[in-house]
């Protein structure tokens, strides 16, 4: 019988959790049978490192994983319970958009690569083979990049709007994409077919969209807030 484990990631004000079956070595099972919280550090002294907490021991700090140097701003995080790989999108202190890949079973960095023209809150497909990386809410590129999750190579681009920001990929699909575009296209939530890469959209909403969530009932929503309009859609996931 395969063990079940829970990987939970926290970044900035967001929480991402994923549960899956996994077969690992005896040593890895000893270390990862517990439920762990992975927190990407944004403090100036240790930015980009990962703090690992034991959820069932009152969130006791287990260890700190040193990752990569020169992290200026952490932009997003994704993980695959299928492959055991964690991905962090960040801007270097020089402003270059980067993504690094961490093996959560032995804490090693597998790759750390620039992604042009920028990065933001990325997502990963259910089998852990592709990353969907926005090109940054402060940029002007009118597409997002699709990366090979094993190498970091860009395999294609998906065009629809500029200033792409939040990406989500629920298990049942499709890919959801929000942008900060101020030309009117940011008033829509975009849906990307993961097979054909055809793009559709929901909206328009009252203004540029903010954070959103994916749930189990199809129902678009929007609201006004101090930062403008926040909106989203929930669907079968």
C-alpha atoms as a PDB file:
ATOM      1  CA  UNK A   1       0.000   0.000   0.000  1.00  0.00           C
ATOM      2  CA  UNK A   2       1.457   3.338  -0.991  1.00  0.00           C
ATOM      3  CA  UNK A   3       1.831   6.010   1.696  1.00  0.00           C
ATOM      4  CA  UNK A   4      -0.008   9.272   1.347  1.00  0.00           C
ATOM      5  CA  UNK A   5       1.660  12.542   2.059  1.00  0.00           C
ATOM      6  CA  UNK A   6       0.673  16.162   2.001  1.00  0.00           C
ATOM      7  CA  UNK A   7       2.869  18.937   0.654  1.00  0.00           C
ATOM      8  CA  UNK A   8       1.715  22.426   1.599  1.00  0.00           C
ATOM      9  CA  UNK A   9       3.400  25.558   0.316  1.00  0.00           C
ATOM     10  CA  UNK A  10       3.004  29.094   1.591  1.00  0.00           C
ATOM     11  CA  UNK A  11       4.165  32.159  -0.254  1.00  0.00           C
ATOM     12  CA  UNK A  12       3.431  35.792   0.545  1.00  0.00           C
ATOM     13  CA  UNK A  13      -0.257  35.697   1.528  1.00  0.00           C
ATOM     14  CA  UNK A  14      -1.206  32.595  -0.457  1.00  0.00           C
ATOM     15  CA  UNK A  15      -1.520  28.934   0.519  1.00  0.00           C
ATOM     16  CA  UNK A  16      -1.139  26.039  -1.908  1.00  0.00           C
ATOM     17  CA  UNK A  17      -1.737  22.402  -0.952  1.00  0.00           C
ATOM     18  CA  UNK A  18      -1.540  19.150  -2.882  1.00  0.00           C
ATOM     19  CA  UNK A  19      -2.005  15.508  -1.846  1.00  0.00           C
ATOM     20  CA  UNK A  20      -0.899  12.443  -3.844  1.00  0.00           C
ATOM     21  CA  UNK A  21       0.298   8.853  -3.593  1.00  0.00           C
ATOM     22  CA  UNK A  22       4.047   8.394  -3.805  1.00  0.00           C
ATOM     23  CA  UNK A  23       6.568   5.569  -3.650  1.00  0.00           C
ATOM     24  CA  UNK A  24       9.913   6.602  -2.132  1.00  0.00           C
ATOM     25  CA  UNK A  25      12.947   5.009  -0.507  1.00  0.00           C
ATOM     26  CA  UNK A  26      12.846   4.082   3.169  1.00  0.00           C
ATOM     27  CA  UNK A  27      14.927   7.120   4.097  1.00  0.00           C
ATOM     28  CA  UNK A  28      12.702   9.474   2.151  1.00  0.00           C
ATOM     29  CA  UNK A  29       9.562   8.011   3.728  1.00  0.00           C
ATOM     30  CA  UNK A  30      11.004   8.558   7.186  1.00  0.00           C
ATOM     31  CA  UNK A  31      11.587  12.238   6.395  1.00  0.00           C
ATOM     32  CA  UNK A  32       8.430  13.001   4.436  1.00  0.00           C
ATOM     33  CA  UNK A  33       5.639  10.846   5.909  1.00  0.00           C
ATOM     34  CA  UNK A  34       4.813  13.815   8.136  1.00  0.00           C
ATOM     35  CA  UNK A  35       2.730  16.753   6.919  1.00  0.00           C
ATOM     36  CA  UNK A  36       5.065  19.645   6.180  1.00  0.00           C
ATOM     37  CA  UNK A  37       4.561  23.317   5.472  1.00  0.00           C
ATOM     38  CA  UNK A  38       7.062  24.900   3.038  1.00  0.00           C
ATOM     39  CA  UNK A  39       7.369  28.666   3.469  1.00  0.00           C
ATOM     40  CA  UNK A  40       9.344  30.681   0.929  1.00  0.00           C
ATOM     41  CA  UNK A  41      11.223  33.348   2.887  1.00  0.00           C
ATOM     42  CA  UNK A  42      10.773  36.990   1.811  1.00  0.00           C
ATOM     43  CA  UNK A  43      12.865  38.531   4.585  1.00  0.00           C
ATOM     44  CA  UNK A  44      15.762  40.685   3.406  1.00  0.00           C
ATOM     45  CA  UNK A  45      18.350  38.564   5.232  1.00  0.00           C
ATOM     46  CA  UNK A  46      17.307  35.153   3.875  1.00  0.00           C
ATOM     47  CA  UNK A  47      15.150  35.883   0.831  1.00  0.00           C
ATOM     48  CA  UNK A  48      14.451  32.913  -1.430  1.00  0.00           C
ATOM     49  CA  UNK A  49      15.269  30.211   1.122  1.00  0.00           C
ATOM     50  CA  UNK A  50      12.600  27.767   2.251  1.00  0.00           C
ATOM     51  CA  UNK A  51      11.518  27.174   5.854  1.00  0.00           C
ATOM     52  CA  UNK A  52      10.042  23.724   6.490  1.00  0.00           C
ATOM     53  CA  UNK A  53       7.581  23.267   9.380  1.00  0.00           C
ATOM     54  CA  UNK A  54       5.971  20.151  10.894  1.00  0.00           C
ATOM     55  CA  UNK A  55       2.224  20.865  10.788  1.00  0.00           C
ATOM     56  CA  UNK A  56       1.320  18.183  13.348  1.00  0.00           C
ATOM     57  CA  UNK A  57       3.927  19.365  15.876  1.00  0.00           C
ATOM     58  CA  UNK A  58       2.439  22.844  16.299  1.00  0.00           C
ATOM     59  CA  UNK A  59       4.270  24.019  13.184  1.00  0.00           C
ATOM     60  CA  UNK A  60       7.686  23.350  14.654  1.00  0.00           C
ATOM     61  CA  UNK A  61      10.508  24.528  12.404  1.00  0.00           C
ATOM     62  CA  UNK A  62      12.285  21.455  11.046  1.00  0.00           C
ATOM     63  CA  UNK A  63      14.920  23.039   8.841  1.00  0.00           C
ATOM     64  CA  UNK A  64      15.823  25.878   6.506  1.00  0.00           C
ATOM     65  CA  UNK A  65      16.736  25.004   2.920  1.00  0.00           C
ATOM     66  CA  UNK A  66      19.238  27.379   1.337  1.00  0.00           C
ATOM     67  CA  UNK A  67      18.376  27.747  -2.314  1.00  0.00           C
ATOM     68  CA  UNK A  68      19.830  30.342  -4.709  1.00  0.00           C
ATOM     69  CA  UNK A  69      21.611  33.703  -4.288  1.00  0.00           C
ATOM     70  CA  UNK A  70      20.544  37.195  -5.403  1.00  0.00           C
ATOM     71  CA  UNK A  71      16.771  36.766  -4.925  1.00  0.00           C
ATOM     72  CA  UNK A  72      15.197  40.214  -5.111  1.00  0.00           C
ATOM     73  CA  UNK A  73      11.444  39.483  -5.151  1.00  0.00           C
ATOM     74  CA  UNK A  74       9.650  36.136  -4.855  1.00  0.00           C
ATOM     75  CA  UNK A  75       6.812  36.104  -7.415  1.00  0.00           C
ATOM     76  CA  UNK A  76       5.227  32.651  -7.223  1.00  0.00           C
ATOM     77  CA  UNK A  77       5.469  28.990  -6.282  1.00  0.00           C
ATOM     78  CA  UNK A  78       4.238  25.649  -7.656  1.00  0.00           C
ATOM     79  CA  UNK A  79       4.825  22.022  -6.700  1.00  0.00           C
ATOM     80  CA  UNK A  80       4.166  18.572  -8.130  1.00  0.00           C
ATOM     81  CA  UNK A  81       3.423  15.691  -5.767  1.00  0.00           C
ATOM     82  CA  UNK A  82       3.880  13.384  -8.760  1.00  0.00           C
ATOM     83  CA  UNK A  83       7.521  14.349  -9.331  1.00  0.00           C
ATOM     84  CA  UNK A  84       8.429  15.763  -5.903  1.00  0.00           C
ATOM     85  CA  UNK A  85       9.678  19.004  -7.440  1.00  0.00           C
ATOM     86  CA  UNK A  86       9.025  22.515  -6.171  1.00  0.00           C
ATOM     87  CA  UNK A  87       9.349  25.605  -8.376  1.00  0.00           C
ATOM     88  CA  UNK A  88       9.851  29.212  -7.302  1.00  0.00           C
ATOM     89  CA  UNK A  89       9.520  32.138  -9.704  1.00  0.00           C
ATOM     90  CA  UNK A  90      11.462  35.214  -8.636  1.00  0.00           C
ATOM     91  CA  UNK A  91      13.175  38.362  -9.811  1.00  0.00           C
ATOM     92  CA  UNK A  92      16.893  38.670  -9.232  1.00  0.00           C
ATOM     93  CA  UNK A  93      18.129  41.841  -7.570  1.00  0.00           C
ATOM     94  CA  UNK A  94      19.058  42.951 -11.102  1.00  0.00           C
ATOM     95  CA  UNK A  95      15.403  42.561 -12.180  1.00  0.00           C
ATOM     96  CA  UNK A  96      15.885  39.437 -14.329  1.00  0.00           C
ATOM     97  CA  UNK A  97      12.998  36.949 -14.131  1.00  0.00           C
ATOM     98  CA  UNK A  98      14.122  33.515 -12.903  1.00  0.00           C
ATOM     99  CA  UNK A  99      12.677  30.126 -11.932  1.00  0.00           C
ATOM    100  CA  UNK A 100      14.435  27.550  -9.773  1.00  0.00           C
ATOM    101  CA  UNK A 101      13.537  23.882  -9.305  1.00  0.00           C
ATOM    102  CA  UNK A 102      14.028  22.106  -5.964  1.00  0.00           C
ATOM    103  CA  UNK A 103      13.876  18.358  -5.291  1.00  0.00           C
ATOM    104  CA  UNK A 104      11.835  18.237  -2.067  1.00  0.00           C
ATOM    105  CA  UNK A 105      13.159  14.783  -1.155  1.00  0.00           C
ATOM    106  CA  UNK A 106      16.842  15.683  -0.950  1.00  0.00           C
ATOM    107  CA  UNK A 107      16.731  19.528  -0.882  1.00  0.00           C
ATOM    108  CA  UNK A 108      18.898  19.948  -3.984  1.00  0.00           C
ATOM    109  CA  UNK A 109      18.493  22.625  -6.651  1.00  0.00           C
ATOM    110  CA  UNK A 110      18.027  20.835  -9.977  1.00  0.00           C
ATOM    111  CA  UNK A 111      18.093  23.957 -12.144  1.00  0.00           C
ATOM    112  CA  UNK A 112      17.886  27.735 -11.899  1.00  0.00           C
ATOM    113  CA  UNK A 113      17.215  29.578 -15.139  1.00  0.00           C
ATOM    114  CA  UNK A 114      16.244  33.010 -16.487  1.00  0.00           C
ATOM    115  CA  UNK A 115      12.883  33.207 -18.243  1.00  0.00           C
ATOM    116  CA  UNK A 116      12.459  36.111 -20.644  1.00  0.00           C
ATOM    117  CA  UNK A 117      10.864  38.610 -20.512  1.00  0.00           C
ATOM    118  CA  UNK A 118       9.775  38.045 -16.888  1.00  0.00           C
ATOM    119  CA  UNK A 119       7.987  35.801 -14.383  1.00  0.00           C
ATOM    120  CA  UNK A 120       5.039  35.881 -12.006  1.00  0.00           C
ATOM    121  CA  UNK A 121       2.687  33.494 -10.168  1.00  0.00           C
ATOM    122  CA  UNK A 122       3.163  30.263 -12.082  1.00  0.00           C
ATOM    123  CA  UNK A 123       1.203  26.989 -12.212  1.00  0.00           C
ATOM    124  CA  UNK A 124       2.019  23.362 -13.068  1.00  0.00           C
ATOM    125  CA  UNK A 125       0.015  20.718 -14.910  1.00  0.00           C
ATOM    126  CA  UNK A 126      -1.284  17.619 -13.057  1.00  0.00           C
ATOM    127  CA  UNK A 127       1.449  15.263 -14.277  1.00  0.00           C
ATOM    128  CA  UNK A 128       4.216  17.687 -13.297  1.00  0.00           C
ATOM    129  CA  UNK A 129       5.724  18.009 -16.776  1.00  0.00           C
ATOM    130  CA  UNK A 130       4.798  21.576 -17.820  1.00  0.00           C
ATOM    131  CA  UNK A 131       4.968  24.958 -16.097  1.00  0.00           C
ATOM    132  CA  UNK A 132       2.790  27.916 -17.090  1.00  0.00           C
ATOM    133  CA  UNK A 133       4.687  31.109 -16.337  1.00  0.00           C
ATOM    134  CA  UNK A 134       3.164  34.613 -16.624  1.00  0.00           C
ATOM    135  CA  UNK A 135       5.477  37.275 -18.036  1.00  0.00           C
ATOM    136  CA  UNK A 136       4.998  39.694 -15.089  1.00  0.00           C
ATOM    137  CA  UNK A 137       2.270  42.127 -14.136  1.00  0.00           C
ATOM    138  CA  UNK A 138       4.671  45.051 -14.608  1.00  0.00           C
ATOM    139  CA  UNK A 139       5.716  44.032 -18.110  1.00  0.00           C
ATOM    140  CA  UNK A 140       4.255  44.582 -21.568  1.00  0.00           C
ATOM    141  CA  UNK A 141       4.517  41.121 -23.170  1.00  0.00           C
ATOM    142  CA  UNK A 142       1.149  39.851 -24.445  1.00  0.00           C
ATOM    143  CA  UNK A 143       1.700  36.164 -23.682  1.00  0.00           C
ATOM    144  CA  UNK A 144       2.662  33.619 -21.050  1.00  0.00           C
ATOM    145  CA  UNK A 145       5.422  31.027 -21.431  1.00  0.00           C
ATOM    146  CA  UNK A 146       5.054  27.257 -21.190  1.00  0.00           C
ATOM    147  CA  UNK A 147       8.183  25.602 -19.768  1.00  0.00           C
ATOM    148  CA  UNK A 148       9.447  22.039 -19.691  1.00  0.00           C
ATOM    149  CA  UNK A 149       9.347  21.380 -15.940  1.00  0.00           C
ATOM    150  CA  UNK A 150      12.324  19.014 -16.165  1.00  0.00           C
ATOM    151  CA  UNK A 151      14.711  21.466 -17.809  1.00  0.00           C
ATOM    152  CA  UNK A 152      13.250  24.991 -17.664  1.00  0.00           C
ATOM    153  CA  UNK A 153      13.260  25.254 -21.466  1.00  0.00           C
ATOM    154  CA  UNK A 154      10.507  27.386 -23.018  1.00  0.00           C
ATOM    155  CA  UNK A 155       8.480  25.067 -25.271  1.00  0.00           C
ATOM    156  CA  UNK A 156       5.800  27.518 -26.457  1.00  0.00           C
ATOM    157  CA  UNK A 157       4.093  30.848 -25.764  1.00  0.00           C
ATOM    158  CA  UNK A 158       0.349  31.512 -25.421  1.00  0.00           C
ATOM    159  CA  UNK A 159      -0.830  34.930 -26.621  1.00  0.00           C
ATOM    160  CA  UNK A 160      -3.897  36.803 -25.344  1.00  0.00           C
ATOM    161  CA  UNK A 161      -3.189  39.930 -23.201  1.00  0.00           C
ATOM    162  CA  UNK A 162      -0.370  41.877 -21.564  1.00  0.00           C
ATOM    163  CA  UNK A 163       0.814  42.217 -17.932  1.00  0.00           C
ATOM    164  CA  UNK A 164      -0.018  38.574 -17.072  1.00  0.00           C
ATOM    165  CA  UNK A 165      -0.011  37.867 -13.331  1.00  0.00           C
ATOM    166  CA  UNK A 166      -1.858  34.964 -11.584  1.00  0.00           C
ATOM    167  CA  UNK A 167      -2.048  31.498 -13.196  1.00  0.00           C
ATOM    168  CA  UNK A 168      -3.977  28.524 -11.792  1.00  0.00           C
ATOM    169  CA  UNK A 169      -4.387  24.994 -13.145  1.00  0.00           C
ATOM    170  CA  UNK A 170      -6.970  22.901 -11.229  1.00  0.00           C
ATOM    171  CA  UNK A 171      -6.735  19.141 -11.692  1.00  0.00           C
ATOM    172  CA  UNK A 172      -9.688  19.027 -14.108  1.00  0.00           C
ATOM    173  CA  UNK A 173      -8.524  22.107 -16.037  1.00  0.00           C
ATOM    174  CA  UNK A 174      -8.636  24.431 -17.796  1.00  0.00           C
ATOM    175  CA  UNK A 175      -5.755  26.834 -17.113  1.00  0.00           C
ATOM    176  CA  UNK A 176      -6.959  30.114 -15.604  1.00  0.00           C
ATOM    177  CA  UNK A 177      -5.070  33.355 -16.220  1.00  0.00           C
ATOM    178  CA  UNK A 178      -5.541  36.878 -14.839  1.00  0.00           C
ATOM    179  CA  UNK A 179      -3.736  39.996 -16.062  1.00  0.00           C
ATOM    180  CA  UNK A 180      -3.181  43.565 -14.889  1.00  0.00           C
ATOM    181  CA  UNK A 181      -3.619  45.046 -18.380  1.00  0.00           C
ATOM    182  CA  UNK A 182      -5.071  48.563 -18.293  1.00  0.00           C
ATOM    183  CA  UNK A 183      -6.273  48.576 -21.909  1.00  0.00           C
ATOM    184  CA  UNK A 184      -9.575  46.870 -21.037  1.00  0.00           C
ATOM    185  CA  UNK A 185      -8.312  43.307 -21.545  1.00  0.00           C
ATOM    186  CA  UNK A 186      -7.446  43.112 -17.832  1.00  0.00           C
ATOM    187  CA  UNK A 187     -11.177  43.175 -17.052  1.00  0.00           C
ATOM    188  CA  UNK A 188     -11.483  39.537 -18.154  1.00  0.00           C
ATOM    189  CA  UNK A 189     -10.497  36.172 -16.695  1.00  0.00           C
ATOM    190  CA  UNK A 190      -8.875  33.990 -19.357  1.00  0.00           C
ATOM    191  CA  UNK A 191      -9.352  30.240 -19.770  1.00  0.00           C
ATOM    192  CA  UNK A 192      -6.702  28.277 -21.683  1.00  0.00           C
ATOM    193  CA  UNK A 193      -7.381  24.799 -23.049  1.00  0.00           C
ATOM    194  CA  UNK A 194      -4.338  22.696 -21.979  1.00  0.00           C
ATOM    195  CA  UNK A 195      -4.638  20.421 -25.032  1.00  0.00           C
ATOM    196  CA  UNK A 196      -5.268  22.860 -27.885  1.00  0.00           C
ATOM    197  CA  UNK A 197      -4.061  26.055 -26.142  1.00  0.00           C
ATOM    198  CA  UNK A 198      -7.203  27.779 -27.405  1.00  0.00           C
ATOM    199  CA  UNK A 199      -7.988  30.870 -25.301  1.00  0.00           C
ATOM    200  CA  UNK A 200     -11.456  32.006 -24.179  1.00  0.00           C
ATOM    201  CA  UNK A 201     -12.441  34.569 -21.593  1.00  0.00           C
ATOM    202  CA  UNK A 202     -15.092  35.406 -18.979  1.00  0.00           C
ATOM    203  CA  UNK A 203     -16.226  38.973 -18.403  1.00  0.00           C
ATOM    204  CA  UNK A 204     -15.923  41.844 -18.585  1.00  0.00           C
ATOM    205  CA  UNK A 205     -15.817  42.602 -14.870  1.00  0.00           C
ATOM    206  CA  UNK A 206     -16.034  46.007 -13.200  1.00  0.00           C
ATOM    207  CA  UNK A 207     -12.303  46.596 -13.472  1.00  0.00           C
ATOM    208  CA  UNK A 208      -8.900  44.944 -13.488  1.00  0.00           C
ATOM    209  CA  UNK A 209      -9.057  41.631 -11.646  1.00  0.00           C
ATOM    210  CA  UNK A 210      -7.283  40.807  -8.400  1.00  0.00           C
ATOM    211  CA  UNK A 211      -6.708  37.493  -6.591  1.00  0.00           C
ATOM    212  CA  UNK A 212      -9.144  34.700  -7.401  1.00  0.00           C
ATOM    213  CA  UNK A 213      -9.856  31.095  -6.431  1.00  0.00           C
ATOM    214  CA  UNK A 214     -10.959  27.927  -8.229  1.00  0.00           C
ATOM    215  CA  UNK A 215     -13.648  25.794  -6.616  1.00  0.00           C
ATOM    216  CA  UNK A 216     -16.393  23.337  -7.570  1.00  0.00           C
ATOM    217  CA  UNK A 217     -19.344  25.371  -8.941  1.00  0.00           C
ATOM    218  CA  UNK A 218     -19.228  27.462 -12.106  1.00  0.00           C
ATOM    219  CA  UNK A 219     -20.039  30.993 -11.010  1.00  0.00           C
ATOM    220  CA  UNK A 220     -18.112  34.134 -12.075  1.00  0.00           C
ATOM    221  CA  UNK A 221     -17.906  36.877  -9.466  1.00  0.00           C
ATOM    222  CA  UNK A 222     -16.416  40.297  -8.952  1.00  0.00           C
ATOM    223  CA  UNK A 223     -16.262  42.981  -6.298  1.00  0.00           C
ATOM    224  CA  UNK A 224     -14.796  46.422  -5.883  1.00  0.00           C
ATOM    225  CA  UNK A 225     -12.019  47.075  -3.388  1.00  0.00           C
ATOM    226  CA  UNK A 226      -9.425  49.640  -2.432  1.00  0.00           C
ATOM    227  CA  UNK A 227      -7.140  48.406  -5.201  1.00  0.00           C
ATOM    228  CA  UNK A 228      -9.903  48.440  -7.835  1.00  0.00           C
ATOM    229  CA  UNK A 229     -11.953  45.422  -8.784  1.00  0.00           C
ATOM    230  CA  UNK A 230     -11.194  41.946  -7.547  1.00  0.00           C
ATOM    231  CA  UNK A 231     -12.766  39.067  -9.391  1.00  0.00           C
ATOM    232  CA  UNK A 232     -12.597  35.471 -10.459  1.00  0.00           C
ATOM    233  CA  UNK A 233     -14.490  32.375 -11.424  1.00  0.00           C
ATOM    234  CA  UNK A 234     -14.953  28.974  -9.902  1.00  0.00           C
ATOM    235  CA  UNK A 235     -15.481  25.797 -11.877  1.00  0.00           C
ATOM    236  CA  UNK A 236     -15.349  22.026 -11.563  1.00  0.00           C
ATOM    237  CA  UNK A 237     -11.917  21.319 -10.059  1.00  0.00           C
END
